[in-house]
C-alpha atoms as a PDB file:
ATOM      1  CA  UNK A   1      24.316  50.668   0.034  1.00  0.00           C
ATOM      2  CA  UNK A   2      21.475  48.155   0.265  1.00  0.00           C
ATOM      3  CA  UNK A   3      18.007  49.159  -0.666  1.00  0.00           C
ATOM      4  CA  UNK A   4      15.394  47.174   1.109  1.00  0.00           C
ATOM      5  CA  UNK A   5      11.701  47.622   0.773  1.00  0.00           C
ATOM      6  CA  UNK A   6       9.912  46.927   3.979  1.00  0.00           C
ATOM      7  CA  UNK A   7       6.711  44.860   3.713  1.00  0.00           C
ATOM      8  CA  UNK A   8       3.843  45.533   6.067  1.00  0.00           C
ATOM      9  CA  UNK A   9       3.505  43.005   8.910  1.00  0.00           C
ATOM     10  CA  UNK A  10       0.115  41.835   7.589  1.00  0.00           C
ATOM     11  CA  UNK A  11       1.662  40.918   4.243  1.00  0.00           C
ATOM     12  CA  UNK A  12       4.395  38.924   5.980  1.00  0.00           C
ATOM     13  CA  UNK A  13       1.875  37.057   8.097  1.00  0.00           C
ATOM     14  CA  UNK A  14      -0.290  36.263   5.067  1.00  0.00           C
ATOM     15  CA  UNK A  15       2.713  35.023   3.106  1.00  0.00           C
ATOM     16  CA  UNK A  16       3.983  32.948   6.028  1.00  0.00           C
ATOM     17  CA  UNK A  17       0.571  31.349   6.574  1.00  0.00           C
ATOM     18  CA  UNK A  18       0.213  30.547   2.883  1.00  0.00           C
ATOM     19  CA  UNK A  19       3.703  29.061   2.723  1.00  0.00           C
ATOM     20  CA  UNK A  20       3.007  26.955   5.797  1.00  0.00           C
ATOM     21  CA  UNK A  21      -0.242  25.691   4.264  1.00  0.00           C
ATOM     22  CA  UNK A  22       1.567  24.715   1.070  1.00  0.00           C
ATOM     23  CA  UNK A  23       4.207  22.854   3.058  1.00  0.00           C
ATOM     24  CA  UNK A  24       1.504  20.908   4.860  1.00  0.00           C
ATOM     25  CA  UNK A  25      -0.417  20.046   1.696  1.00  0.00           C
ATOM     26  CA  UNK A  26       2.529  18.990  -0.456  1.00  0.00           C
ATOM     27  CA  UNK A  27       3.495  15.906   1.584  1.00  0.00           C
ATOM     28  CA  UNK A  28      -0.152  14.871   1.886  1.00  0.00           C
ATOM     29  CA  UNK A  29      -0.601  15.008  -1.861  1.00  0.00           C
ATOM     30  CA  UNK A  30       2.603  13.062  -2.405  1.00  0.00           C
ATOM     31  CA  UNK A  31       1.520  10.376   0.105  1.00  0.00           C
ATOM     32  CA  UNK A  32      -2.030   9.876  -1.178  1.00  0.00           C
ATOM     33  CA  UNK A  33      -1.715   6.959  -3.605  1.00  0.00           C
ATOM     34  CA  UNK A  34      -4.928   5.317  -4.659  1.00  0.00           C
ATOM     35  CA  UNK A  35      -3.881   1.680  -5.281  1.00  0.00           C
ATOM     36  CA  UNK A  36      -6.377   1.764  -8.160  1.00  0.00           C
ATOM     37  CA  UNK A  37      -4.919  -1.431  -9.635  1.00  0.00           C
ATOM     38  CA  UNK A  38      -6.237  -3.362  -6.622  1.00  0.00           C
ATOM     39  CA  UNK A  39      -9.654  -1.698  -6.973  1.00  0.00           C
ATOM     40  CA  UNK A  40      -9.799  -2.978 -10.554  1.00  0.00           C
ATOM     41  CA  UNK A  41      -9.402  -6.641  -9.575  1.00  0.00           C
ATOM     42  CA  UNK A  42     -12.499  -8.837  -9.663  1.00  0.00           C
ATOM     43  CA  UNK A  43     -14.170  -9.134  -6.284  1.00  0.00           C
ATOM     44  CA  UNK A  44     -14.822 -12.558  -4.781  1.00  0.00           C
ATOM     45  CA  UNK A  45     -12.977 -15.644  -3.604  1.00  0.00           C
ATOM     46  CA  UNK A  46      -9.341 -15.977  -4.668  1.00  0.00           C
ATOM     47  CA  UNK A  47      -7.296 -19.192  -4.626  1.00  0.00           C
ATOM     48  CA  UNK A  48      -3.667 -18.711  -3.559  1.00  0.00           C
ATOM     49  CA  UNK A  49      -1.063 -21.192  -4.794  1.00  0.00           C
ATOM     50  CA  UNK A  50       2.318 -20.722  -3.159  1.00  0.00           C
ATOM     51  CA  UNK A  51       5.485 -21.730  -4.982  1.00  0.00           C
ATOM     52  CA  UNK A  52       7.033 -23.284  -1.872  1.00  0.00           C
ATOM     53  CA  UNK A  53       5.683 -25.845   0.590  1.00  0.00           C
ATOM     54  CA  UNK A  54       3.067 -23.449   1.999  1.00  0.00           C
ATOM     55  CA  UNK A  55      -0.395 -25.017   1.652  1.00  0.00           C
ATOM     56  CA  UNK A  56      -2.775 -23.421  -0.861  1.00  0.00           C
ATOM     57  CA  UNK A  57      -5.585 -21.368   0.627  1.00  0.00           C
ATOM     58  CA  UNK A  58      -8.542 -19.211  -0.346  1.00  0.00           C
ATOM     59  CA  UNK A  59      -9.420 -15.690   0.736  1.00  0.00           C
ATOM     60  CA  UNK A  60     -12.372 -13.426   0.091  1.00  0.00           C
ATOM     61  CA  UNK A  61     -11.288 -10.196  -1.621  1.00  0.00           C
ATOM     62  CA  UNK A  62     -13.805  -7.385  -1.390  1.00  0.00           C
ATOM     63  CA  UNK A  63     -11.378  -4.553  -2.197  1.00  0.00           C
ATOM     64  CA  UNK A  64      -8.218  -6.277  -3.447  1.00  0.00           C
ATOM     65  CA  UNK A  65      -6.280  -4.927  -0.472  1.00  0.00           C
ATOM     66  CA  UNK A  66      -6.782  -8.272   1.293  1.00  0.00           C
ATOM     67  CA  UNK A  67      -3.939  -9.564  -0.888  1.00  0.00           C
ATOM     68  CA  UNK A  68      -1.429  -7.107   0.630  1.00  0.00           C
ATOM     69  CA  UNK A  69      -0.942  -8.709   4.051  1.00  0.00           C
ATOM     70  CA  UNK A  70      -1.153 -12.454   3.545  1.00  0.00           C
ATOM     71  CA  UNK A  71       1.009 -13.267   6.591  1.00  0.00           C
ATOM     72  CA  UNK A  72      -0.291 -10.475   8.835  1.00  0.00           C
ATOM     73  CA  UNK A  73      -4.037 -10.386   9.360  1.00  0.00           C
ATOM     74  CA  UNK A  74      -3.983  -7.609  11.969  1.00  0.00           C
ATOM     75  CA  UNK A  75      -5.963  -4.498  11.104  1.00  0.00           C
ATOM     76  CA  UNK A  76      -3.795  -2.085  13.107  1.00  0.00           C
ATOM     77  CA  UNK A  77      -0.919  -2.197  10.617  1.00  0.00           C
ATOM     78  CA  UNK A  78       0.361   1.006   9.048  1.00  0.00           C
ATOM     79  CA  UNK A  79       1.110   0.976   5.310  1.00  0.00           C
ATOM     80  CA  UNK A  80       3.472   2.893   3.076  1.00  0.00           C
ATOM     81  CA  UNK A  81       2.947   2.653  -0.691  1.00  0.00           C
ATOM     82  CA  UNK A  82       6.275   2.226  -2.478  1.00  0.00           C
ATOM     83  CA  UNK A  83       4.890   1.770  -6.010  1.00  0.00           C
ATOM     84  CA  UNK A  84       1.393   2.514  -7.282  1.00  0.00           C
ATOM     85  CA  UNK A  85       1.317   1.597 -10.959  1.00  0.00           C
ATOM     86  CA  UNK A  86      -1.479   0.620 -13.294  1.00  0.00           C
ATOM     87  CA  UNK A  87      -0.363  -3.040 -13.341  1.00  0.00           C
ATOM     88  CA  UNK A  88       1.838  -3.322 -10.249  1.00  0.00           C
ATOM     89  CA  UNK A  89       1.821  -2.159  -6.636  1.00  0.00           C
ATOM     90  CA  UNK A  90       4.352  -2.510  -3.832  1.00  0.00           C
ATOM     91  CA  UNK A  91       3.425  -1.790  -0.220  1.00  0.00           C
ATOM     92  CA  UNK A  92       5.475  -1.898   2.978  1.00  0.00           C
ATOM     93  CA  UNK A  93       3.603  -2.326   6.242  1.00  0.00           C
ATOM     94  CA  UNK A  94       4.344  -2.476   9.954  1.00  0.00           C
ATOM     95  CA  UNK A  95       2.159  -4.268  12.504  1.00  0.00           C
ATOM     96  CA  UNK A  96       3.034  -3.150  16.045  1.00  0.00           C
ATOM     97  CA  UNK A  97       4.027  -6.142  18.163  1.00  0.00           C
ATOM     98  CA  UNK A  98       3.727  -8.590  15.255  1.00  0.00           C
ATOM     99  CA  UNK A  99       6.379  -7.624  12.696  1.00  0.00           C
ATOM    100  CA  UNK A 100       6.398  -6.093   9.252  1.00  0.00           C
ATOM    101  CA  UNK A 101       6.369  -6.960   5.575  1.00  0.00           C
ATOM    102  CA  UNK A 102       6.707  -5.829   1.997  1.00  0.00           C
ATOM    103  CA  UNK A 103       4.348  -7.109  -0.700  1.00  0.00           C
ATOM    104  CA  UNK A 104       4.522  -6.739  -4.470  1.00  0.00           C
ATOM    105  CA  UNK A 105       1.467  -7.555  -6.585  1.00  0.00           C
ATOM    106  CA  UNK A 106       1.652  -7.697 -10.387  1.00  0.00           C
ATOM    107  CA  UNK A 107      -1.606  -7.930 -12.325  1.00  0.00           C
ATOM    108  CA  UNK A 108      -1.781 -10.221 -15.339  1.00  0.00           C
ATOM    109  CA  UNK A 109      -5.565  -9.944 -15.736  1.00  0.00           C
ATOM    110  CA  UNK A 110      -8.438  -8.749 -13.530  1.00  0.00           C
ATOM    111  CA  UNK A 111      -8.672 -12.285 -12.140  1.00  0.00           C
ATOM    112  CA  UNK A 112      -4.993 -13.357 -12.037  1.00  0.00           C
ATOM    113  CA  UNK A 113      -2.102 -11.773 -10.110  1.00  0.00           C
ATOM    114  CA  UNK A 114       1.427 -12.692  -9.068  1.00  0.00           C
ATOM    115  CA  UNK A 115       2.317 -11.909  -5.457  1.00  0.00           C
ATOM    116  CA  UNK A 116       5.672 -11.858  -3.697  1.00  0.00           C
ATOM    117  CA  UNK A 117       6.255 -10.934  -0.104  1.00  0.00           C
ATOM    118  CA  UNK A 118       8.852 -10.914   2.619  1.00  0.00           C
ATOM    119  CA  UNK A 119       9.161  -9.742   6.178  1.00  0.00           C
ATOM    120  CA  UNK A 120       9.001 -10.812   9.806  1.00  0.00           C
ATOM    121  CA  UNK A 121       5.958 -12.439  11.460  1.00  0.00           C
ATOM    122  CA  UNK A 122       6.461 -12.418  15.209  1.00  0.00           C
ATOM    123  CA  UNK A 123      10.176 -13.237  15.402  1.00  0.00           C
ATOM    124  CA  UNK A 124      10.235 -15.492  12.323  1.00  0.00           C
ATOM    125  CA  UNK A 125      11.312 -14.245   8.887  1.00  0.00           C
ATOM    126  CA  UNK A 126       9.237 -15.186   5.844  1.00  0.00           C
ATOM    127  CA  UNK A 127       9.521 -14.929   2.084  1.00  0.00           C
ATOM    128  CA  UNK A 128       7.033 -16.230  -0.460  1.00  0.00           C
ATOM    129  CA  UNK A 129       5.966 -16.140  -4.053  1.00  0.00           C
ATOM    130  CA  UNK A 130       2.417 -17.037  -5.069  1.00  0.00           C
ATOM    131  CA  UNK A 131      -0.154 -16.911  -7.808  1.00  0.00           C
ATOM    132  CA  UNK A 132      -3.652 -15.741  -6.930  1.00  0.00           C
ATOM    133  CA  UNK A 133      -6.600 -16.506  -9.205  1.00  0.00           C
ATOM    134  CA  UNK A 134     -10.243 -15.586  -8.711  1.00  0.00           C
ATOM    135  CA  UNK A 135     -12.144 -18.809  -8.152  1.00  0.00           C
ATOM    136  CA  UNK A 136     -15.738 -17.610  -7.664  1.00  0.00           C
ATOM    137  CA  UNK A 137     -17.974 -15.598  -5.368  1.00  0.00           C
ATOM    138  CA  UNK A 138     -17.213 -15.338  -1.658  1.00  0.00           C
ATOM    139  CA  UNK A 139     -19.054 -17.935   0.433  1.00  0.00           C
END
């Protein structure tokens, strides 16, 4: 013999709605990294020195996120944060029609970082390792 207490329909609806809301909020909270390490970098012009034959270049970093997509300058790229630490971040991104990449940035100081990246630009694979150092204010 099974005893079963019947809940009123209103209670079931309220519980179901609350459970659904929790299910919707949980993934959002889990996917809301802040990339605070990049926010803590000094703003201004950064000199990039690549460890291969890629020519050195300078970029203006207003948020630090400019260092994430060095081979893809498109703004319509979607990003997925793999690691969001206090001294290191790793981000994967996809740029529709232009390829994808994965970038790791390790902070040594607020004005010096190590960057490694790999991916596909157009139809051509790339892989790089670089040092970025703040060199002054943006022009």
